[in-house]
Amino acid sequence: MHVPIPIRGVLALPFKLAGVRISRMNPNLCTLCETKFRSVKKAQQVTVPATVLFADVRGYTSLSEEANASDVTTMLGEFYDHCSAAVWERDGIVNKLIGDAIFAIFNFPIRRSDHVQQAVLSGIELQRRCRAMKTAMAGGADVPVGVGVGVHTGDVTIGEIGTTIKDFTAIGEVVNLAARLQGASLPGEVVVTEGVYRQVARDFPGAERRECTLKGIARPVTAYVLRG
């Protein structure tokens, strides 16, 4: 669709009556991609170049066992807010909130030729925002909360997945590898693949090179650790 759809103000009222609202994945988008993907794109899925970012809270299982449930809930809410703001500022979408993790996509549906750089900068900003996060333990002491980030880029399949229960999401090797890199990252790190690093190397000349053995990935992956 190549027509603007108002999502705020008086002009948005007819669309709201038709069920078109502001997307929770990005407040500058409507919900048509999520609810009417096949109608809009004339296909159930499309393959597009995109950059995928995963971020999650380190040590969440221990935190949830040792901290009060209300404090953990507050911490997760803060984490979601920081991640969403960092992604939205760079025209990405927060496709999924997965417990203590977020899954973000760049270059769909908002197209940007520099989506790799935008995803990396989003990861750096996300880490900056989360640096001061803490949660109270059962004994009353505040402990810092670390966050790990993984980023990969390439062709992904995105659209409606499923039949009886449908979901709007992205799948493929790029998504899997980004998730595995996030799992291998340490608190405060943004770990990216070699393909990502080639496009941002000028901005991060001192990045640490690391060989990662990742679960489910047959060969070691060359990755780079970026810090703001």
C-alpha atoms as a PDB file:
ATOM      1  CA  MET A   1       0.000   0.000   0.000  1.00  0.00           C
ATOM      2  CA  HIS A   2       1.398   3.378  -0.985  1.00  0.00           C
ATOM      3  CA  VAL A   3      -1.081   5.684   0.719  1.00  0.00           C
ATOM      4  CA  PRO A   4      -0.718   7.376   4.108  1.00  0.00           C
ATOM      5  CA  ILE A   5      -2.993   6.085   6.844  1.00  0.00           C
ATOM      6  CA  PRO A   6      -3.704   8.579   9.631  1.00  0.00           C
ATOM      7  CA  ILE A   7      -3.314   6.995  13.067  1.00  0.00           C
ATOM      8  CA  ARG A   8      -3.912  10.073  15.220  1.00  0.00           C
ATOM      9  CA  GLY A   9      -6.392  12.914  15.263  1.00  0.00           C
ATOM     10  CA  VAL A  10      -9.818  13.315  13.666  1.00  0.00           C
ATOM     11  CA  LEU A  11      -8.803  11.764  10.341  1.00  0.00           C
ATOM     12  CA  ALA A  12      -7.930   8.538  12.148  1.00  0.00           C
ATOM     13  CA  LEU A  13     -11.489   7.968  13.413  1.00  0.00           C
ATOM     14  CA  PRO A  14     -12.808   6.108  10.317  1.00  0.00           C
ATOM     15  CA  PHE A  15      -9.779   3.819  10.389  1.00  0.00           C
ATOM     16  CA  LYS A  16     -10.245   3.132  14.088  1.00  0.00           C
ATOM     17  CA  LEU A  17     -13.855   2.160  13.423  1.00  0.00           C
ATOM     18  CA  ALA A  18     -12.525  -0.289  10.826  1.00  0.00           C
ATOM     19  CA  GLY A  19     -10.127  -1.768  13.391  1.00  0.00           C
ATOM     20  CA  VAL A  20      -6.955   0.025  12.246  1.00  0.00           C
ATOM     21  CA  ARG A  21      -5.063   1.369  15.236  1.00  0.00           C
ATOM     22  CA  ILE A  22      -1.595   2.387  16.360  1.00  0.00           C
ATOM     23  CA  SER A  23       0.736  -0.596  16.368  1.00  0.00           C
ATOM     24  CA  ARG A  24       2.286  -1.708  19.635  1.00  0.00           C
ATOM     25  CA  MET A  25       5.396  -2.707  17.655  1.00  0.00           C
ATOM     26  CA  ASN A  26       6.110   0.915  16.688  1.00  0.00           C
ATOM     27  CA  PRO A  27       3.903   3.918  17.569  1.00  0.00           C
ATOM     28  CA  ASN A  28       4.459   5.447  14.105  1.00  0.00           C
ATOM     29  CA  LEU A  29       2.845   2.471  12.356  1.00  0.00           C
ATOM     30  CA  CYS A  30      -0.690   1.155  12.086  1.00  0.00           C
ATOM     31  CA  THR A  31      -1.796  -2.430  12.699  1.00  0.00           C
ATOM     32  CA  LEU A  32      -2.450  -3.357   9.041  1.00  0.00           C
ATOM     33  CA  CYS A  33       0.836  -5.251   8.693  1.00  0.00           C
ATOM     34  CA  GLU A  34      -0.073  -7.388  11.694  1.00  0.00           C
ATOM     35  CA  THR A  35      -3.732  -8.022  10.931  1.00  0.00           C
ATOM     36  CA  LYS A  36      -4.004  -7.809   7.111  1.00  0.00           C
ATOM     37  CA  PHE A  37      -0.563  -8.814   5.911  1.00  0.00           C
ATOM     38  CA  ARG A  38      -1.811 -11.137   3.149  1.00  0.00           C
ATOM     39  CA  SER A  39      -4.177  -8.471   1.819  1.00  0.00           C
ATOM     40  CA  VAL A  40      -1.548  -5.738   1.871  1.00  0.00           C
ATOM     41  CA  LYS A  41       1.383  -7.737   0.438  1.00  0.00           C
ATOM     42  CA  LYS A  42      -0.628 -10.203  -1.719  1.00  0.00           C
ATOM     43  CA  ALA A  43       1.350 -13.036  -0.108  1.00  0.00           C
ATOM     44  CA  GLN A  44       1.425 -14.872   3.186  1.00  0.00           C
ATOM     45  CA  GLN A  45       5.150 -14.169   3.624  1.00  0.00           C
ATOM     46  CA  VAL A  46       7.796 -12.112   1.829  1.00  0.00           C
ATOM     47  CA  THR A  47      11.576 -12.344   1.907  1.00  0.00           C
ATOM     48  CA  VAL A  48      13.336  -9.053   2.565  1.00  0.00           C
ATOM     49  CA  PRO A  49      16.792  -7.846   3.600  1.00  0.00           C
ATOM     50  CA  ALA A  50      16.603  -6.938   7.266  1.00  0.00           C
ATOM     51  CA  THR A  51      18.647  -6.626  10.429  1.00  0.00           C
ATOM     52  CA  VAL A  52      17.551  -8.487  13.541  1.00  0.00           C
ATOM     53  CA  LEU A  53      18.348  -7.556  17.136  1.00  0.00           C
ATOM     54  CA  PHE A  54      17.791  -9.649  20.241  1.00  0.00           C
ATOM     55  CA  ALA A  55      18.352  -8.358  23.770  1.00  0.00           C
ATOM     56  CA  ASP A  56      17.769 -10.064  27.092  1.00  0.00           C
ATOM     57  CA  VAL A  57      18.325  -9.674  30.822  1.00  0.00           C
ATOM     58  CA  ARG A  58      21.298 -11.632  32.117  1.00  0.00           C
ATOM     59  CA  GLY A  59      20.719 -13.915  35.110  1.00  0.00           C
ATOM     60  CA  TYR A  60      16.954 -13.547  34.943  1.00  0.00           C
ATOM     61  CA  THR A  61      16.264 -17.000  36.394  1.00  0.00           C
ATOM     62  CA  SER A  62      18.308 -16.223  39.511  1.00  0.00           C
ATOM     63  CA  LEU A  63      16.751 -12.800  39.823  1.00  0.00           C
ATOM     64  CA  SER A  64      13.233 -14.192  39.610  1.00  0.00           C
ATOM     65  CA  GLU A  65      14.049 -16.723  42.338  1.00  0.00           C
ATOM     66  CA  GLU A  66      15.782 -14.325  44.726  1.00  0.00           C
ATOM     67  CA  ALA A  67      13.891 -11.064  44.233  1.00  0.00           C
ATOM     68  CA  ASN A  68      10.291 -10.151  44.999  1.00  0.00           C
ATOM     69  CA  ALA A  69       7.916 -10.749  42.102  1.00  0.00           C
ATOM     70  CA  SER A  70       6.789  -7.121  42.129  1.00  0.00           C
ATOM     71  CA  ASP A  71      10.389  -5.884  41.879  1.00  0.00           C
ATOM     72  CA  VAL A  72      11.108  -8.259  38.986  1.00  0.00           C
ATOM     73  CA  THR A  73       7.952  -7.068  37.223  1.00  0.00           C
ATOM     74  CA  THR A  74       9.026  -3.442  37.679  1.00  0.00           C
ATOM     75  CA  MET A  75      12.499  -4.231  36.339  1.00  0.00           C
ATOM     76  CA  LEU A  76      11.086  -5.991  33.271  1.00  0.00           C
ATOM     77  CA  GLY A  77       8.801  -3.052  32.567  1.00  0.00           C
ATOM     78  CA  GLU A  78      11.787  -0.711  32.723  1.00  0.00           C
ATOM     79  CA  PHE A  79      13.754  -3.034  30.421  1.00  0.00           C
ATOM     80  CA  TYR A  80      10.925  -3.139  27.866  1.00  0.00           C
ATOM     81  CA  ASP A  81      10.612   0.655  27.955  1.00  0.00           C
ATOM     82  CA  HIS A  82      14.344   1.215  27.405  1.00  0.00           C
ATOM     83  CA  CYS A  83      14.509  -1.327  24.573  1.00  0.00           C
ATOM     84  CA  SER A  84      11.410  -0.036  22.820  1.00  0.00           C
ATOM     85  CA  ALA A  85      12.558   3.586  22.916  1.00  0.00           C
ATOM     86  CA  ALA A  86      15.994   2.678  21.530  1.00  0.00           C
ATOM     87  CA  VAL A  87      14.449   0.603  18.710  1.00  0.00           C
ATOM     88  CA  TRP A  88      11.735   3.095  17.780  1.00  0.00           C
ATOM     89  CA  GLU A  89      14.187   5.994  17.592  1.00  0.00           C
ATOM     90  CA  ARG A  90      15.946   4.070  14.801  1.00  0.00           C
ATOM     91  CA  ASP A  91      12.775   3.088  12.880  1.00  0.00           C
ATOM     92  CA  GLY A  92      12.776  -0.532  14.004  1.00  0.00           C
ATOM     93  CA  ILE A  93       9.855  -2.562  15.337  1.00  0.00           C
ATOM     94  CA  VAL A  94       9.706  -4.546  18.561  1.00  0.00           C
ATOM     95  CA  ASN A  95       8.198  -7.682  17.084  1.00  0.00           C
ATOM     96  CA  LYS A  96       8.141  -9.770  20.254  1.00  0.00           C
ATOM     97  CA  LEU A  97       8.487  -9.469  24.016  1.00  0.00           C
ATOM     98  CA  ILE A  98       9.728 -12.911  25.070  1.00  0.00           C
ATOM     99  CA  GLY A  99       9.771 -13.054  28.855  1.00  0.00           C
ATOM    100  CA  ASP A 100      13.078 -11.397  29.722  1.00  0.00           C
ATOM    101  CA  ALA A 101      13.999 -10.714  26.060  1.00  0.00           C
ATOM    102  CA  ILE A 102      12.958  -8.561  23.100  1.00  0.00           C
ATOM    103  CA  PHE A 103      13.081  -9.345  19.369  1.00  0.00           C
ATOM    104  CA  ALA A 104      13.427  -6.321  17.071  1.00  0.00           C
ATOM    105  CA  ILE A 105      13.464  -6.020  13.271  1.00  0.00           C
ATOM    106  CA  PHE A 106      14.924  -3.199  11.175  1.00  0.00           C
ATOM    107  CA  ASN A 107      14.045  -2.398   7.537  1.00  0.00           C
ATOM    108  CA  PHE A 108      10.490  -3.734   7.645  1.00  0.00           C
ATOM    109  CA  PRO A 109       7.966  -2.263   7.309  1.00  0.00           C
ATOM    110  CA  ILE A 110       9.871   1.060   7.567  1.00  0.00           C
ATOM    111  CA  ARG A 111      12.520   0.766   4.856  1.00  0.00           C
ATOM    112  CA  ARG A 112      15.954   2.295   5.443  1.00  0.00           C
ATOM    113  CA  SER A 113      19.065   1.741   3.351  1.00  0.00           C
ATOM    114  CA  ASP A 114      21.193   2.096   6.512  1.00  0.00           C
ATOM    115  CA  HIS A 115      19.209  -0.428   8.567  1.00  0.00           C
ATOM    116  CA  VAL A 116      22.360  -2.270   9.675  1.00  0.00           C
ATOM    117  CA  GLN A 117      23.851   0.882  11.164  1.00  0.00           C
ATOM    118  CA  GLN A 118      20.523   1.815  12.745  1.00  0.00           C
ATOM    119  CA  ALA A 119      20.213  -1.584  14.438  1.00  0.00           C
ATOM    120  CA  VAL A 120      23.757  -1.372  15.826  1.00  0.00           C
ATOM    121  CA  LEU A 121      23.212   2.156  17.123  1.00  0.00           C
ATOM    122  CA  SER A 122      19.953   0.987  18.657  1.00  0.00           C
ATOM    123  CA  GLY A 123      21.833  -1.771  20.489  1.00  0.00           C
ATOM    124  CA  ILE A 124      24.435   0.697  21.768  1.00  0.00           C
ATOM    125  CA  GLU A 125      21.726   3.106  22.918  1.00  0.00           C
ATOM    126  CA  LEU A 126      19.786   0.253  24.506  1.00  0.00           C
ATOM    127  CA  GLN A 127      22.833  -0.686  26.573  1.00  0.00           C
ATOM    128  CA  ARG A 128      23.351   2.937  27.596  1.00  0.00           C
ATOM    129  CA  ARG A 129      19.761   3.244  28.784  1.00  0.00           C
ATOM    130  CA  CYS A 130      19.901  -0.069  30.675  1.00  0.00           C
ATOM    131  CA  ARG A 131      23.253   0.592  32.354  1.00  0.00           C
ATOM    132  CA  ALA A 132      21.702   1.978  35.528  1.00  0.00           C
ATOM    133  CA  MET A 133      19.037  -0.717  35.880  1.00  0.00           C
ATOM    134  CA  LYS A 134      18.862  -2.407  39.283  1.00  0.00           C
ATOM    135  CA  THR A 135      16.454  -4.632  41.134  1.00  0.00           C
ATOM    136  CA  ALA A 136      15.950  -5.202  44.842  1.00  0.00           C
ATOM    137  CA  MET A 137      16.770  -8.646  46.201  1.00  0.00           C
ATOM    138  CA  ALA A 138      14.832 -10.343  48.984  1.00  0.00           C
ATOM    139  CA  GLY A 139      17.394  -9.152  51.549  1.00  0.00           C
ATOM    140  CA  GLY A 140      16.865  -5.539  50.544  1.00  0.00           C
ATOM    141  CA  ALA A 141      20.101  -4.994  48.599  1.00  0.00           C
ATOM    142  CA  ASP A 142      19.950  -3.521  45.096  1.00  0.00           C
ATOM    143  CA  VAL A 143      21.889  -5.459  42.451  1.00  0.00           C
ATOM    144  CA  PRO A 144      22.716  -4.268  38.910  1.00  0.00           C
ATOM    145  CA  VAL A 145      20.888  -5.859  36.013  1.00  0.00           C
ATOM    146  CA  GLY A 146      23.009  -6.756  32.975  1.00  0.00           C
ATOM    147  CA  VAL A 147      21.746  -6.921  29.398  1.00  0.00           C
ATOM    148  CA  GLY A 148      23.187  -8.828  26.411  1.00  0.00           C
ATOM    149  CA  VAL A 149      22.552  -7.944  22.759  1.00  0.00           C
ATOM    150  CA  GLY A 150      23.036  -9.887  19.501  1.00  0.00           C
ATOM    151  CA  VAL A 151      22.693  -8.484  15.953  1.00  0.00           C
ATOM    152  CA  HIS A 152      22.747 -10.188  12.545  1.00  0.00           C
ATOM    153  CA  THR A 153      21.699  -9.098   9.054  1.00  0.00           C
ATOM    154  CA  GLY A 154      20.578 -10.810   5.854  1.00  0.00           C
ATOM    155  CA  ASP A 155      17.438 -12.039   4.123  1.00  0.00           C
ATOM    156  CA  VAL A 156      14.560 -12.954   6.422  1.00  0.00           C
ATOM    157  CA  THR A 157      11.111 -14.352   5.752  1.00  0.00           C
ATOM    158  CA  ILE A 158       8.495 -12.149   7.331  1.00  0.00           C
ATOM    159  CA  GLY A 159       4.721 -12.228   7.392  1.00  0.00           C
ATOM    160  CA  GLU A 160       1.891 -14.435   8.622  1.00  0.00           C
ATOM    161  CA  ILE A 161       3.062 -17.674  10.223  1.00  0.00           C
ATOM    162  CA  GLY A 162       0.502 -20.362  11.053  1.00  0.00           C
ATOM    163  CA  THR A 163      -3.041 -21.117   9.990  1.00  0.00           C
ATOM    164  CA  THR A 164      -5.413 -21.666  12.901  1.00  0.00           C
ATOM    165  CA  ILE A 165      -3.339 -19.445  15.182  1.00  0.00           C
ATOM    166  CA  LYS A 166      -1.623 -16.742  13.129  1.00  0.00           C
ATOM    167  CA  ASP A 167       1.343 -14.641  14.104  1.00  0.00           C
ATOM    168  CA  PHE A 168       3.116 -11.760  12.378  1.00  0.00           C
ATOM    169  CA  THR A 169       6.837 -12.393  12.735  1.00  0.00           C
ATOM    170  CA  ALA A 170      10.140 -13.119  10.985  1.00  0.00           C
ATOM    171  CA  ILE A 171      11.870 -16.489  10.677  1.00  0.00           C
ATOM    172  CA  GLY A 172      15.053 -17.882   9.147  1.00  0.00           C
ATOM    173  CA  GLU A 173      18.781 -18.347   9.690  1.00  0.00           C
ATOM    174  CA  VAL A 174      19.335 -14.650  10.369  1.00  0.00           C
ATOM    175  CA  VAL A 175      16.846 -14.693  13.227  1.00  0.00           C
ATOM    176  CA  ASN A 176      18.291 -17.887  14.715  1.00  0.00           C
ATOM    177  CA  LEU A 177      21.886 -16.653  14.600  1.00  0.00           C
ATOM    178  CA  ALA A 178      21.036 -13.264  16.125  1.00  0.00           C
ATOM    179  CA  ALA A 179      19.277 -15.045  18.993  1.00  0.00           C
ATOM    180  CA  ARG A 180      22.278 -17.350  19.549  1.00  0.00           C
ATOM    181  CA  LEU A 181      24.692 -14.403  19.527  1.00  0.00           C
ATOM    182  CA  GLN A 182      22.583 -12.655  22.115  1.00  0.00           C
ATOM    183  CA  GLY A 183      22.847 -15.766  24.270  1.00  0.00           C
ATOM    184  CA  ALA A 184      26.649 -15.667  23.948  1.00  0.00           C
ATOM    185  CA  SER A 185      26.988 -11.967  24.791  1.00  0.00           C
ATOM    186  CA  LEU A 186      28.080 -10.763  28.205  1.00  0.00           C
ATOM    187  CA  PRO A 187      26.367  -7.980  30.172  1.00  0.00           C
ATOM    188  CA  GLY A 188      26.940  -4.635  28.486  1.00  0.00           C
ATOM    189  CA  GLU A 189      28.001  -6.131  25.140  1.00  0.00           C
ATOM    190  CA  VAL A 190      26.547  -5.754  21.661  1.00  0.00           C
ATOM    191  CA  VAL A 191      27.779  -8.814  19.750  1.00  0.00           C
ATOM    192  CA  VAL A 192      27.447  -8.656  15.954  1.00  0.00           C
ATOM    193  CA  THR A 193      28.278 -10.961  13.063  1.00  0.00           C
ATOM    194  CA  GLU A 194      31.107 -10.303  10.625  1.00  0.00           C
ATOM    195  CA  GLY A 195      28.602  -9.163   7.989  1.00  0.00           C
ATOM    196  CA  VAL A 196      27.244  -6.531  10.345  1.00  0.00           C
ATOM    197  CA  TYR A 197      30.675  -5.410  11.485  1.00  0.00           C
ATOM    198  CA  ARG A 198      31.889  -4.789   7.924  1.00  0.00           C
ATOM    199  CA  GLN A 199      29.241  -2.085   7.613  1.00  0.00           C
ATOM    200  CA  VAL A 200      30.040  -0.331  10.903  1.00  0.00           C
ATOM    201  CA  ALA A 201      33.782  -1.020  11.260  1.00  0.00           C
ATOM    202  CA  ARG A 202      34.696   2.620  10.663  1.00  0.00           C
ATOM    203  CA  ASP A 203      32.692   3.659  13.726  1.00  0.00           C
ATOM    204  CA  PHE A 204      34.063   0.843  15.937  1.00  0.00           C
ATOM    205  CA  PRO A 205      37.733   0.411  14.937  1.00  0.00           C
ATOM    206  CA  GLY A 206      38.766  -1.180  18.244  1.00  0.00           C
ATOM    207  CA  ALA A 207      36.082  -3.873  18.353  1.00  0.00           C
ATOM    208  CA  GLU A 208      37.101  -7.174  19.935  1.00  0.00           C
ATOM    209  CA  ARG A 209      37.079 -10.102  17.516  1.00  0.00           C
ATOM    210  CA  ARG A 210      35.660 -13.292  19.011  1.00  0.00           C
ATOM    211  CA  GLU A 211      35.127 -16.850  17.760  1.00  0.00           C
ATOM    212  CA  CYS A 212      31.817 -18.105  19.133  1.00  0.00           C
ATOM    213  CA  THR A 213      30.685 -21.717  19.333  1.00  0.00           C
ATOM    214  CA  LEU A 214      26.916 -21.463  19.337  1.00  0.00           C
ATOM    215  CA  LYS A 215      24.278 -24.044  20.137  1.00  0.00           C
ATOM    216  CA  GLY A 216      22.631 -25.378  16.985  1.00  0.00           C
ATOM    217  CA  ILE A 217      25.216 -23.723  14.681  1.00  0.00           C
ATOM    218  CA  ALA A 218      27.538 -26.274  13.060  1.00  0.00           C
ATOM    219  CA  ARG A 219      30.635 -24.088  12.662  1.00  0.00           C
ATOM    220  CA  PRO A 220      32.200 -21.448  14.929  1.00  0.00           C
ATOM    221  CA  VAL A 221      30.939 -17.947  14.148  1.00  0.00           C
ATOM    222  CA  THR A 222      33.254 -14.955  13.855  1.00  0.00           C
ATOM    223  CA  ALA A 223      31.725 -12.142  15.849  1.00  0.00           C
ATOM    224  CA  TYR A 224      32.696  -8.684  17.050  1.00  0.00           C
ATOM    225  CA  VAL A 225      31.981  -7.069  20.408  1.00  0.00           C
ATOM    226  CA  LEU A 226      30.865  -3.450  20.251  1.00  0.00           C
ATOM    227  CA  ARG A 227      30.659  -1.059  23.155  1.00  0.00           C
ATOM    228  CA  GLY A 228      29.484   2.531  23.108  1.00  0.00           C
END
